[in-house]
């Protein structure tokens, strides 16, 4: 087993016959895209936030969902 000094790291190279030529990136000349607006919830449908298993917060959208979550086993 060879021992190398920590400041002398051998240079790695591909095996003979596997050298890859330089392949330039394609430049289409267009590099800009329009920024999309971040979606923002208006709060029109949610009536509250419930807690499920291991403090997992879930949105409540109806009275029936609130009853179902409160009736789940703990």
Protein backbone atom coordinates (compact mmCIF):
# COMPACT_ATOMS: atom_id res chain seq x y z
CA UNK A 1 0.00 0.00 0.00
CA UNK A 2 1.36 3.39 -1.01
CA UNK A 3 1.61 6.18 1.49
CA UNK A 4 1.14 9.73 0.28
CA UNK A 5 2.02 12.88 2.07
CA UNK A 6 -0.98 15.02 2.86
CA UNK A 7 0.40 17.95 0.88
CA UNK A 8 1.25 15.82 -2.19
CA UNK A 9 -1.97 14.53 -3.77
CA UNK A 10 -1.48 12.61 -7.02
CA UNK A 11 -3.11 14.18 -10.09
CA UNK A 12 -5.97 12.07 -11.41
CA UNK A 13 -6.29 11.49 -15.13
CA UNK A 14 -8.60 9.43 -17.35
CA UNK A 15 -7.31 6.12 -18.68
CA UNK A 16 -5.57 6.20 -22.07
CA UNK A 17 -8.05 6.39 -24.92
CA UNK A 18 -10.80 8.03 -22.85
CA UNK A 19 -9.80 11.67 -23.13
CA UNK A 20 -12.88 13.79 -23.85
CA UNK A 21 -12.39 16.79 -26.13
CA UNK A 22 -13.63 20.15 -24.93
CA UNK A 23 -17.32 20.52 -25.81
CA UNK A 24 -18.47 24.14 -25.58
CA UNK A 25 -21.88 25.04 -24.16
CA UNK A 26 -24.57 26.03 -26.61
CA UNK A 27 -25.26 29.74 -26.61
CA UNK A 28 -28.61 30.57 -28.12
CA UNK A 29 -28.16 34.28 -27.46
CA UNK A 30 -31.26 34.41 -25.24
CA UNK A 31 -30.64 34.10 -21.55
CA UNK A 32 -33.43 36.01 -19.85
CA UNK A 33 -36.84 34.81 -18.69
CA UNK A 34 -39.69 36.80 -17.21
CA UNK A 35 -39.99 36.49 -13.44
CA UNK A 36 -43.18 34.81 -12.36
CA UNK A 37 -45.21 36.37 -9.57
CA UNK A 38 -45.13 34.50 -6.29
CA UNK A 39 -48.49 32.89 -5.52
CA UNK A 40 -50.15 34.43 -2.49
CA UNK A 41 -53.06 32.92 -0.62
CA UNK A 42 -55.86 35.42 0.02
CA UNK A 43 -57.37 33.51 2.95
CA UNK A 44 -60.88 33.35 1.58
CA UNK A 45 -61.52 29.62 2.09
CA UNK A 46 -59.63 28.69 5.25
CA UNK A 47 -61.42 28.84 8.61
CA UNK A 48 -58.56 27.72 10.83
CA UNK A 49 -55.54 25.51 11.45
CA UNK A 50 -55.81 22.09 13.08
CA UNK A 51 -53.17 19.84 14.62
CA UNK A 52 -52.74 16.23 13.60
CA UNK A 53 -50.21 13.55 14.53
CA UNK A 54 -46.95 14.86 16.01
CA UNK A 55 -47.93 18.54 15.84
CA UNK A 56 -48.53 18.47 12.10
CA UNK A 57 -50.44 21.69 11.30
CA UNK A 58 -53.15 21.28 8.65
CA UNK A 59 -55.55 23.87 7.22
CA UNK A 60 -59.26 23.56 8.07
CA UNK A 61 -61.63 24.46 5.25
CA UNK A 62 -64.99 23.40 6.70
CA UNK A 63 -66.77 22.70 9.98
CA UNK A 64 -66.92 19.00 9.09
CA UNK A 65 -63.13 18.83 8.72
CA UNK A 66 -62.76 20.48 12.14
CA UNK A 67 -65.05 17.87 13.70
CA UNK A 68 -63.21 15.01 11.94
CA UNK A 69 -59.81 16.19 13.15
CA UNK A 70 -61.02 16.69 16.72
CA UNK A 71 -62.49 13.16 16.75
CA UNK A 72 -59.28 11.44 15.60
CA UNK A 73 -57.45 9.20 18.08
CA UNK A 74 -54.57 10.74 19.92
